[in-house]
Amino acid sequence: MLYAALAFALCVLISAFFIGRFFTAKARLVEKTIEETIERKLSKSPIHAELLRLREENGVMRNLLIDMVENEASLADASKIGDGTDPRRERSLSTASRGLW
């Protein structure tokens, strides 16, 4: 009798697991269908076309801002190289010029 109750409980647990998976998959399928319906309805609307245009402009502006920041960073690095305040550089230049004369 104990083994029968244990087997029955095991069957109930396995059945509950598979039934839960079934309803989860069914819910995901319904959500996917709803999303596809909303997307299909929006694709016909002018709001969707405007949203696509804004996304494209946003990407272009982001790329321009990145380019500007990179250019400013490279200009700042170039000005640091050319200001001549590096003592090691000055010593090596003076040593090199003394060696030529």
PDB file of N, CA and C in Angstrom:
ATOM      1  N   MET A   1       0.815  -1.185   0.000  1.00  0.00           N
ATOM      2  CA  MET A   1       0.000   0.000   0.000  1.00  0.00           C
ATOM      3  C   MET A   1       0.868   1.262   0.000  1.00  0.00           C
ATOM      4  N   LEU A   2       1.958   1.240   0.730  1.00  0.00           N
ATOM      5  CA  LEU A   2       2.854   2.393   0.801  1.00  0.00           C
ATOM      6  C   LEU A   2       3.490   2.662  -0.560  1.00  0.00           C
ATOM      7  N   TYR A   3       3.862   1.572  -1.255  1.00  0.00           N
ATOM      8  CA  TYR A   3       4.480   1.741  -2.578  1.00  0.00           C
ATOM      9  C   TYR A   3       3.485   2.304  -3.593  1.00  0.00           C
ATOM     10  N   ALA A   4       2.244   1.934  -3.490  1.00  0.00           N
ATOM     11  CA  ALA A   4       1.211   2.436  -4.404  1.00  0.00           C
ATOM     12  C   ALA A   4       0.999   3.933  -4.171  1.00  0.00           C
ATOM     13  N   ALA A   5       0.981   4.352  -2.926  1.00  0.00           N
ATOM     14  CA  ALA A   5       0.797   5.774  -2.615  1.00  0.00           C
ATOM     15  C   ALA A   5       2.003   6.577  -3.086  1.00  0.00           C
ATOM     16  N   LEU A   6       3.194   6.000  -2.904  1.00  0.00           N
ATOM     17  CA  LEU A   6       4.408   6.665  -3.350  1.00  0.00           C
ATOM     18  C   LEU A   6       4.441   6.787  -4.872  1.00  0.00           C
ATOM     19  N   ALA A   7       4.053   5.737  -5.580  1.00  0.00           N
ATOM     20  CA  ALA A   7       4.005   5.757  -7.047  1.00  0.00           C
ATOM     21  C   ALA A   7       2.969   6.759  -7.532  1.00  0.00           C
ATOM     22  N   PHE A   8       1.812   6.804  -6.848  1.00  0.00           N
ATOM     23  CA  PHE A   8       0.773   7.765  -7.215  1.00  0.00           C
ATOM     24  C   PHE A   8       1.263   9.203  -7.020  1.00  0.00           C
ATOM     25  N   ALA A   9       1.943   9.471  -5.925  1.00  0.00           N
ATOM     26  CA  ALA A   9       2.469  10.817  -5.658  1.00  0.00           C
ATOM     27  C   ALA A   9       3.508  11.205  -6.704  1.00  0.00           C
ATOM     28  N   LEU A  10       4.360  10.246  -7.086  1.00  0.00           N
ATOM     29  CA  LEU A  10       5.361  10.507  -8.118  1.00  0.00           C
ATOM     30  C   LEU A  10       4.698  10.825  -9.458  1.00  0.00           C
ATOM     31  N   CYS A  11       3.657  10.090  -9.799  1.00  0.00           N
ATOM     32  CA  CYS A  11       2.919  10.355 -11.043  1.00  0.00           C
ATOM     33  C   CYS A  11       2.260  11.725 -11.020  1.00  0.00           C
ATOM     34  N   VAL A  12       1.730  12.116  -9.861  1.00  0.00           N
ATOM     35  CA  VAL A  12       1.102  13.431  -9.735  1.00  0.00           C
ATOM     36  C   VAL A  12       2.141  14.532  -9.906  1.00  0.00           C
ATOM     37  N   LEU A  13       3.311  14.369  -9.324  1.00  0.00           N
ATOM     38  CA  LEU A  13       4.369  15.376  -9.466  1.00  0.00           C
ATOM     39  C   LEU A  13       4.827  15.502 -10.913  1.00  0.00           C
ATOM     40  N   ILE A  14       5.050  14.396 -11.570  1.00  0.00           N
ATOM     41  CA  ILE A  14       5.496  14.433 -12.970  1.00  0.00           C
ATOM     42  C   ILE A  14       4.414  15.032 -13.853  1.00  0.00           C
ATOM     43  N   SER A  15       3.174  14.658 -13.606  1.00  0.00           N
ATOM     44  CA  SER A  15       2.066  15.214 -14.398  1.00  0.00           C
ATOM     45  C   SER A  15       1.952  16.719 -14.172  1.00  0.00           C
ATOM     46  N   ALA A  16       2.084  17.163 -12.940  1.00  0.00           N
ATOM     47  CA  ALA A  16       2.004  18.599 -12.648  1.00  0.00           C
ATOM     48  C   ALA A  16       3.120  19.355 -13.360  1.00  0.00           C
ATOM     49  N   PHE A  17       4.318  18.774 -13.403  1.00  0.00           N
ATOM     50  CA  PHE A  17       5.438  19.414 -14.096  1.00  0.00           C
ATOM     51  C   PHE A  17       5.136  19.589 -15.582  1.00  0.00           C
ATOM     52  N   PHE A  18       4.684  18.518 -16.232  1.00  0.00           N
ATOM     53  CA  PHE A  18       4.425  18.602 -17.668  1.00  0.00           C
ATOM     54  C   PHE A  18       3.207  19.470 -17.991  1.00  0.00           C
ATOM     55  N   ILE A  19       2.200  19.452 -17.134  1.00  0.00           N
ATOM     56  CA  ILE A  19       1.040  20.325 -17.352  1.00  0.00           C
ATOM     57  C   ILE A  19       1.449  21.792 -17.194  1.00  0.00           C
ATOM     58  N   GLY A  20       2.297  22.074 -16.215  1.00  0.00           N
ATOM     59  CA  GLY A  20       2.797  23.441 -16.042  1.00  0.00           C
ATOM     60  C   GLY A  20       3.592  23.902 -17.247  1.00  0.00           C
ATOM     61  N   ARG A  21       4.439  23.038 -17.776  1.00  0.00           N
ATOM     62  CA  ARG A  21       5.196  23.393 -18.987  1.00  0.00           C
ATOM     63  C   ARG A  21       4.269  23.651 -20.161  1.00  0.00           C
ATOM     64  N   PHE A  22       3.211  22.843 -20.288  1.00  0.00           N
ATOM     65  CA  PHE A  22       2.260  23.012 -21.388  1.00  0.00           C
ATOM     66  C   PHE A  22       1.598  24.381 -21.323  1.00  0.00           C
ATOM     67  N   PHE A  23       1.105  24.754 -20.124  1.00  0.00           N
ATOM     68  CA  PHE A  23       0.426  26.038 -20.006  1.00  0.00           C
ATOM     69  C   PHE A  23       1.392  27.212 -20.141  1.00  0.00           C
ATOM     70  N   THR A  24       2.626  27.046 -19.734  1.00  0.00           N
ATOM     71  CA  THR A  24       3.629  28.098 -19.923  1.00  0.00           C
ATOM     72  C   THR A  24       3.908  28.302 -21.400  1.00  0.00           C
ATOM     73  N   ALA A  25       4.055  27.199 -22.141  1.00  0.00           N
ATOM     74  CA  ALA A  25       4.292  27.307 -23.581  1.00  0.00           C
ATOM     75  C   ALA A  25       3.095  27.931 -24.277  1.00  0.00           C
ATOM     76  N   LYS A  26       1.910  27.565 -23.830  1.00  0.00           N
ATOM     77  CA  LYS A  26       0.702  28.131 -24.427  1.00  0.00           C
ATOM     78  C   LYS A  26       0.623  29.637 -24.168  1.00  0.00           C
ATOM     79  N   ALA A  27       0.982  30.064 -22.959  1.00  0.00           N
ATOM     80  CA  ALA A  27       0.965  31.490 -22.632  1.00  0.00           C
ATOM     81  C   ALA A  27       1.996  32.247 -23.463  1.00  0.00           C
ATOM     82  N   ARG A  28       3.188  31.650 -23.635  1.00  0.00           N
ATOM     83  CA  ARG A  28       4.206  32.305 -24.475  1.00  0.00           C
ATOM     84  C   ARG A  28       3.737  32.434 -25.916  1.00  0.00           C
ATOM     85  N   LEU A  29       3.052  31.422 -26.413  1.00  0.00           N
ATOM     86  CA  LEU A  29       2.534  31.477 -27.778  1.00  0.00           C
ATOM     87  C   LEU A  29       1.493  32.580 -27.926  1.00  0.00           C
ATOM     88  N   VAL A  30       0.631  32.734 -26.934  1.00  0.00           N
ATOM     89  CA  VAL A  30      -0.377  33.794 -26.973  1.00  0.00           C
ATOM     90  C   VAL A  30       0.297  35.164 -26.923  1.00  0.00           C
ATOM     91  N   GLU A  31       1.294  35.335 -26.055  1.00  0.00           N
ATOM     92  CA  GLU A  31       2.006  36.611 -25.980  1.00  0.00           C
ATOM     93  C   GLU A  31       2.700  36.939 -27.293  1.00  0.00           C
ATOM     94  N   LYS A  32       3.286  35.931 -27.925  1.00  0.00           N
ATOM     95  CA  LYS A  32       3.953  36.141 -29.214  1.00  0.00           C
ATOM     96  C   LYS A  32       2.945  36.558 -30.279  1.00  0.00           C
ATOM     97  N   THR A  33       1.784  35.937 -30.272  1.00  0.00           N
ATOM     98  CA  THR A  33       0.739  36.295 -31.234  1.00  0.00           C
ATOM     99  C   THR A  33       0.268  37.724 -31.016  1.00  0.00           C
ATOM    100  N   ILE A  34       0.113  38.114 -29.758  1.00  0.00           N
ATOM    101  CA  ILE A  34      -0.315  39.484 -29.455  1.00  0.00           C
ATOM    102  C   ILE A  34       0.746  40.479 -29.924  1.00  0.00           C
ATOM    103  N   GLU A  35       2.023  40.202 -29.655  1.00  0.00           N
ATOM    104  CA  GLU A  35       3.100  41.089 -30.096  1.00  0.00           C
ATOM    105  C   GLU A  35       3.135  41.209 -31.613  1.00  0.00           C
ATOM    106  N   GLU A  36       2.957  40.098 -32.319  1.00  0.00           N
ATOM    107  CA  GLU A  36       2.951  40.145 -33.789  1.00  0.00           C
ATOM    108  C   GLU A  36       1.776  40.953 -34.309  1.00  0.00           C
ATOM    109  N   THR A  37       0.628  40.838 -33.663  1.00  0.00           N
ATOM    110  CA  THR A  37      -0.548  41.612 -34.076  1.00  0.00           C
ATOM    111  C   THR A  37      -0.322  43.100 -33.864  1.00  0.00           C
ATOM    112  N   ILE A  38       0.240  43.461 -32.724  1.00  0.00           N
ATOM    113  CA  ILE A  38       0.528  44.873 -32.455  1.00  0.00           C
ATOM    114  C   ILE A  38       1.548  45.398 -33.456  1.00  0.00           C
ATOM    115  N   GLU A  39       2.580  44.618 -33.741  1.00  0.00           N
ATOM    116  CA  GLU A  39       3.588  45.053 -34.700  1.00  0.00           C
ATOM    117  C   GLU A  39       2.998  45.224 -36.100  1.00  0.00           C
ATOM    118  N   ARG A  40       2.123  44.313 -36.476  1.00  0.00           N
ATOM    119  CA  ARG A  40       1.488  44.408 -37.802  1.00  0.00           C
ATOM    120  C   ARG A  40       0.604  45.644 -37.883  1.00  0.00           C
ATOM    121  N   LYS A  41      -0.131  45.939 -36.812  1.00  0.00           N
ATOM    122  CA  LYS A  41      -0.989  47.132 -36.801  1.00  0.00           C
ATOM    123  C   LYS A  41      -0.154  48.412 -36.822  1.00  0.00           C
ATOM    124  N   LEU A  42       0.943  48.416 -36.087  1.00  0.00           N
ATOM    125  CA  LEU A  42       1.783  49.618 -36.056  1.00  0.00           C
ATOM    126  C   LEU A  42       2.543  49.817 -37.353  1.00  0.00           C
ATOM    127  N   SER A  43       2.849  48.736 -38.068  1.00  0.00           N
ATOM    128  CA  SER A  43       3.612  48.890 -39.306  1.00  0.00           C
ATOM    129  C   SER A  43       2.821  49.656 -40.355  1.00  0.00           C
ATOM    130  N   LYS A  44       1.519  49.643 -40.240  1.00  0.00           N
ATOM    131  CA  LYS A  44       0.686  50.379 -41.189  1.00  0.00           C
ATOM    132  C   LYS A  44       0.480  51.833 -40.773  1.00  0.00           C
ATOM    133  N   SER A  45       0.789  52.170 -39.540  1.00  0.00           N
ATOM    134  CA  SER A  45       0.502  53.511 -39.042  1.00  0.00           C
ATOM    135  C   SER A  45       1.649  54.466 -39.359  1.00  0.00           C
ATOM    136  N   PRO A  46       1.356  55.753 -39.458  1.00  0.00           N
ATOM    137  CA  PRO A  46       2.417  56.746 -39.679  1.00  0.00           C
ATOM    138  C   PRO A  46       3.317  56.912 -38.450  1.00  0.00           C
ATOM    139  N   ILE A  47       2.823  56.513 -37.299  1.00  0.00           N
ATOM    140  CA  ILE A  47       3.631  56.618 -36.082  1.00  0.00           C
ATOM    141  C   ILE A  47       4.845  55.705 -36.193  1.00  0.00           C
ATOM    142  N   HIS A  48       4.664  54.532 -36.779  1.00  0.00           N
ATOM    143  CA  HIS A  48       5.773  53.589 -36.929  1.00  0.00           C
ATOM    144  C   HIS A  48       6.840  54.160 -37.868  1.00  0.00           C
ATOM    145  N   ALA A  49       6.406  54.769 -38.963  1.00  0.00           N
ATOM    146  CA  ALA A  49       7.357  55.367 -39.905  1.00  0.00           C
ATOM    147  C   ALA A  49       8.141  56.496 -39.218  1.00  0.00           C
ATOM    148  N   GLU A  50       7.448  57.288 -38.429  1.00  0.00           N
ATOM    149  CA  GLU A  50       8.113  58.365 -37.685  1.00  0.00           C
ATOM    150  C   GLU A  50       9.098  57.803 -36.664  1.00  0.00           C
ATOM    151  N   LEU A  51       8.730  56.718 -36.009  1.00  0.00           N
ATOM    152  CA  LEU A  51       9.612  56.087 -35.040  1.00  0.00           C
ATOM    153  C   LEU A  51      10.874  55.551 -35.710  1.00  0.00           C
ATOM    154  N   LEU A  52      10.742  54.942 -36.864  1.00  0.00           N
ATOM    155  CA  LEU A  52      11.912  54.458 -37.601  1.00  0.00           C
ATOM    156  C   LEU A  52      12.831  55.604 -38.017  1.00  0.00           C
ATOM    157  N   ARG A  53      12.229  56.716 -38.465  1.00  0.00           N
ATOM    158  CA  ARG A  53      13.023  57.876 -38.863  1.00  0.00           C
ATOM    159  C   ARG A  53      13.777  58.459 -37.666  1.00  0.00           C
ATOM    160  N   LEU A  54      13.110  58.531 -36.514  1.00  0.00           N
ATOM    161  CA  LEU A  54      13.756  59.047 -35.313  1.00  0.00           C
ATOM    162  C   LEU A  54      14.881  58.134 -34.838  1.00  0.00           C
ATOM    163  N   ARG A  55      14.700  56.834 -34.958  1.00  0.00           N
ATOM    164  CA  ARG A  55      15.772  55.906 -34.585  1.00  0.00           C
ATOM    165  C   ARG A  55      16.991  56.105 -35.477  1.00  0.00           C
ATOM    166  N   GLU A  56      16.758  56.304 -36.758  1.00  0.00           N
ATOM    167  CA  GLU A  56      17.866  56.520 -37.693  1.00  0.00           C
ATOM    168  C   GLU A  56      18.592  57.821 -37.366  1.00  0.00           C
ATOM    169  N   GLU A  57      17.847  58.885 -37.119  1.00  0.00           N
ATOM    170  CA  GLU A  57      18.463  60.166 -36.776  1.00  0.00           C
ATOM    171  C   GLU A  57      19.214  60.078 -35.448  1.00  0.00           C
ATOM    172  N   ASN A  58      18.681  59.328 -34.512  1.00  0.00           N
ATOM    173  CA  ASN A  58      19.348  59.155 -33.227  1.00  0.00           C
ATOM    174  C   ASN A  58      20.697  58.454 -33.417  1.00  0.00           C
ATOM    175  N   GLY A  59      20.737  57.441 -34.262  1.00  0.00           N
ATOM    176  CA  GLY A  59      21.996  56.750 -34.532  1.00  0.00           C
ATOM    177  C   GLY A  59      23.014  57.660 -35.187  1.00  0.00           C
ATOM    178  N   VAL A  60      22.561  58.485 -36.139  1.00  0.00           N
ATOM    179  CA  VAL A  60      23.467  59.411 -36.822  1.00  0.00           C
ATOM    180  C   VAL A  60      24.027  60.433 -35.837  1.00  0.00           C
ATOM    181  N   MET A  61      23.164  60.994 -34.988  1.00  0.00           N
ATOM    182  CA  MET A  61      23.616  61.980 -34.013  1.00  0.00           C
ATOM    183  C   MET A  61      24.590  61.357 -33.010  1.00  0.00           C
ATOM    184  N   ARG A  62      24.316  60.133 -32.594  1.00  0.00           N
ATOM    185  CA  ARG A  62      25.216  59.450 -31.666  1.00  0.00           C
ATOM    186  C   ARG A  62      26.585  59.270 -32.289  1.00  0.00           C
ATOM    187  N   ASN A  63      26.637  58.863 -33.555  1.00  0.00           N
ATOM    188  CA  ASN A  63      27.920  58.687 -34.238  1.00  0.00           C
ATOM    189  C   ASN A  63      28.662  60.014 -34.381  1.00  0.00           C
ATOM    190  N   LEU A  64      27.941  61.084 -34.683  1.00  0.00           N
ATOM    191  CA  LEU A  64      28.589  62.400 -34.788  1.00  0.00           C
ATOM    192  C   LEU A  64      29.163  62.841 -33.450  1.00  0.00           C
ATOM    193  N   LEU A  65      28.422  62.620 -32.377  1.00  0.00           N
ATOM    194  CA  LEU A  65      28.929  62.995 -31.052  1.00  0.00           C
ATOM    195  C   LEU A  65      30.162  62.179 -30.674  1.00  0.00           C
ATOM    196  N   ILE A  66      30.158  60.908 -31.010  1.00  0.00           N
ATOM    197  CA  ILE A  66      31.324  60.069 -30.725  1.00  0.00           C
ATOM    198  C   ILE A  66      32.532  60.580 -31.501  1.00  0.00           C
ATOM    199  N   ASP A  67      32.338  60.936 -32.773  1.00  0.00           N
ATOM    200  CA  ASP A  67      33.437  61.476 -33.576  1.00  0.00           C
ATOM    201  C   ASP A  67      33.969  62.781 -32.993  1.00  0.00           C
ATOM    202  N   MET A  68      33.060  63.645 -32.530  1.00  0.00           N
ATOM    203  CA  MET A  68      33.503  64.909 -31.947  1.00  0.00           C
ATOM    204  C   MET A  68      34.335  64.679 -30.688  1.00  0.00           C
ATOM    205  N   VAL A  69      33.900  63.766 -29.843  1.00  0.00           N
ATOM    206  CA  VAL A  69      34.639  63.482 -28.612  1.00  0.00           C
ATOM    207  C   VAL A  69      36.001  62.892 -28.942  1.00  0.00           C
ATOM    208  N   GLU A  70      36.069  62.000 -29.920  1.00  0.00           N
ATOM    209  CA  GLU A  70      37.361  61.418 -30.308  1.00  0.00           C
ATOM    210  C   GLU A  70      38.297  62.478 -30.874  1.00  0.00           C
ATOM    211  N   ASN A  71      37.760  63.403 -31.670  1.00  0.00           N
ATOM    212  CA  ASN A  71      38.596  64.466 -32.235  1.00  0.00           C
ATOM    213  C   ASN A  71      39.121  65.390 -31.143  1.00  0.00           C
ATOM    214  N   GLU A  72      38.265  65.742 -30.169  1.00  0.00           N
ATOM    215  CA  GLU A  72      38.721  66.591 -29.079  1.00  0.00           C
ATOM    216  C   GLU A  72      39.792  65.894 -28.255  1.00  0.00           C
ATOM    217  N   ALA A  73      39.648  64.606 -28.048  1.00  0.00           N
ATOM    218  CA  ALA A  73      40.641  63.859 -27.278  1.00  0.00           C
ATOM    219  C   ALA A  73      41.966  63.804 -28.027  1.00  0.00           C
ATOM    220  N   SER A  74      41.908  63.610 -29.344  1.00  0.00           N
ATOM    221  CA  SER A  74      43.159  63.544 -30.098  1.00  0.00           C
ATOM    222  C   SER A  74      43.823  64.917 -30.173  1.00  0.00           C
ATOM    223  N   LEU A  75      43.047  66.004 -30.233  1.00  0.00           N
ATOM    224  CA  LEU A  75      43.619  67.350 -30.219  1.00  0.00           C
ATOM    225  C   LEU A  75      44.258  67.650 -28.868  1.00  0.00           C
ATOM    226  N   ALA A  76      43.646  67.194 -27.790  1.00  0.00           N
ATOM    227  CA  ALA A  76      44.218  67.410 -26.466  1.00  0.00           C
ATOM    228  C   ALA A  76      45.538  66.649 -26.336  1.00  0.00           C
ATOM    229  N   ASP A  77      45.619  65.450 -26.874  1.00  0.00           N
ATOM    230  CA  ASP A  77      46.860  64.676 -26.832  1.00  0.00           C
ATOM    231  C   ASP A  77      47.939  65.352 -27.675  1.00  0.00           C
ATOM    232  N   ALA A  78      47.565  65.894 -28.819  1.00  0.00           N
ATOM    233  CA  ALA A  78      48.540  66.552 -29.688  1.00  0.00           C
ATOM    234  C   ALA A  78      49.084  67.821 -29.026  1.00  0.00           C
ATOM    235  N   SER A  79      48.245  68.546 -28.302  1.00  0.00           N
ATOM    236  CA  SER A  79      48.727  69.773 -27.656  1.00  0.00           C
ATOM    237  C   SER A  79      49.649  69.439 -26.488  1.00  0.00           C
ATOM    238  N   LYS A  80      49.431  68.324 -25.822  1.00  0.00           N
ATOM    239  CA  LYS A  80      50.317  67.929 -24.732  1.00  0.00           C
ATOM    240  C   LYS A  80      51.695  67.557 -25.261  1.00  0.00           C
ATOM    241  N   ILE A  81      51.746  66.974 -26.435  1.00  0.00           N
ATOM    242  CA  ILE A  81      53.029  66.569 -27.012  1.00  0.00           C
ATOM    243  C   ILE A  81      53.835  67.796 -27.423  1.00  0.00           C
ATOM    244  N   GLY A  82      53.174  68.809 -27.933  1.00  0.00           N
ATOM    245  CA  GLY A  82      53.885  69.944 -28.505  1.00  0.00           C
ATOM    246  C   GLY A  82      54.194  71.082 -27.559  1.00  0.00           C
ATOM    247  N   ASP A  83      53.847  71.031 -26.267  1.00  0.00           N
ATOM    248  CA  ASP A  83      54.087  72.190 -25.418  1.00  0.00           C
ATOM    249  C   ASP A  83      55.507  72.251 -24.872  1.00  0.00           C
ATOM    250  N   GLY A  84      56.322  71.230 -25.021  1.00  0.00           N
ATOM    251  CA  GLY A  84      57.739  71.277 -24.695  1.00  0.00           C
ATOM    252  C   GLY A  84      58.056  71.350 -23.230  1.00  0.00           C
ATOM    253  N   THR A  85      57.212  70.886 -22.378  1.00  0.00           N
ATOM    254  CA  THR A  85      57.480  70.953 -20.951  1.00  0.00           C
ATOM    255  C   THR A  85      58.016  69.634 -20.397  1.00  0.00           C
ATOM    256  N   ASP A  86      58.303  68.696 -21.243  1.00  0.00           N
ATOM    257  CA  ASP A  86      58.824  67.416 -20.781  1.00  0.00           C
ATOM    258  C   ASP A  86      60.331  67.558 -20.549  1.00  0.00           C
ATOM    259  N   PRO A  87      60.805  67.459 -19.305  1.00  0.00           N
ATOM    260  CA  PRO A  87      62.234  67.682 -19.029  1.00  0.00           C
ATOM    261  C   PRO A  87      63.129  66.617 -19.671  1.00  0.00           C
ATOM    262  N   ARG A  88      62.660  65.389 -19.739  1.00  0.00           N
ATOM    263  CA  ARG A  88      63.493  64.349 -20.370  1.00  0.00           C
ATOM    264  C   ARG A  88      63.698  64.648 -21.845  1.00  0.00           C
ATOM    265  N   ARG A  89      62.646  65.141 -22.482  1.00  0.00           N
ATOM    266  CA  ARG A  89      62.736  65.459 -23.909  1.00  0.00           C
ATOM    267  C   ARG A  89      63.707  66.619 -24.124  1.00  0.00           C
ATOM    268  N   GLU A  90      63.623  67.628 -23.268  1.00  0.00           N
ATOM    269  CA  GLU A  90      64.515  68.775 -23.398  1.00  0.00           C
ATOM    270  C   GLU A  90      65.971  68.386 -23.170  1.00  0.00           C
ATOM    271  N   ARG A  91      66.223  67.520 -22.182  1.00  0.00           N
ATOM    272  CA  ARG A  91      67.586  67.061 -21.933  1.00  0.00           C
ATOM    273  C   ARG A  91      68.126  66.265 -23.118  1.00  0.00           C
ATOM    274  N   SER A  92      67.293  65.393 -23.666  1.00  0.00           N
ATOM    275  CA  SER A  92      67.783  64.587 -24.782  1.00  0.00           C
ATOM    276  C   SER A  92      68.031  65.458 -26.012  1.00  0.00           C
ATOM    277  N   LEU A  93      67.211  66.483 -26.213  1.00  0.00           N
ATOM    278  CA  LEU A  93      67.437  67.377 -27.352  1.00  0.00           C
ATOM    279  C   LEU A  93      68.704  68.198 -27.153  1.00  0.00           C
ATOM    280  N   SER A  94      68.927  68.676 -25.944  1.00  0.00           N
ATOM    281  CA  SER A  94      70.129  69.480 -25.702  1.00  0.00           C
ATOM    282  C   SER A  94      71.392  68.620 -25.797  1.00  0.00           C
ATOM    283  N   THR A  95      71.287  67.371 -25.328  1.00  0.00           N
ATOM    284  CA  THR A  95      72.419  66.458 -25.426  1.00  0.00           C
ATOM    285  C   THR A  95      72.701  66.140 -26.888  1.00  0.00           C
ATOM    286  N   ALA A  96      71.687  65.943 -27.644  1.00  0.00           N
ATOM    287  CA  ALA A  96      71.867  65.610 -29.069  1.00  0.00           C
ATOM    288  C   ALA A  96      72.444  66.803 -29.808  1.00  0.00           C
ATOM    289  N   SER A  97      71.999  68.009 -29.454  1.00  0.00           N
ATOM    290  CA  SER A  97      72.525  69.173 -30.158  1.00  0.00           C
ATOM    291  C   SER A  97      73.983  69.449 -29.751  1.00  0.00           C
ATOM    292  N   ARG A  98      74.348  69.161 -28.491  1.00  0.00           N
ATOM    293  CA  ARG A  98      75.738  69.321 -28.069  1.00  0.00           C
ATOM    294  C   ARG A  98      76.640  68.319 -28.767  1.00  0.00           C
ATOM    295  N   GLY A  99      76.100  67.162 -29.048  1.00  0.00           N
ATOM    296  CA  GLY A  99      76.918  66.144 -29.730  1.00  0.00           C
ATOM    297  C   GLY A  99      77.187  66.520 -31.170  1.00  0.00           C
ATOM    298  N   LEU A 100      76.307  67.281 -31.777  1.00  0.00           N
ATOM    299  CA  LEU A 100      76.544  67.687 -33.169  1.00  0.00           C
ATOM    300  C   LEU A 100      77.571  68.792 -33.257  1.00  0.00           C
ATOM    301  N   TRP A 101      77.731  69.646 -32.229  1.00  0.00           N
ATOM    302  CA  TRP A 101      78.651  70.785 -32.303  1.00  0.00           C
ATOM    303  C   TRP A 101      79.912  70.447 -31.653  1.00  0.00           C
TER     304      TRP A 101
END
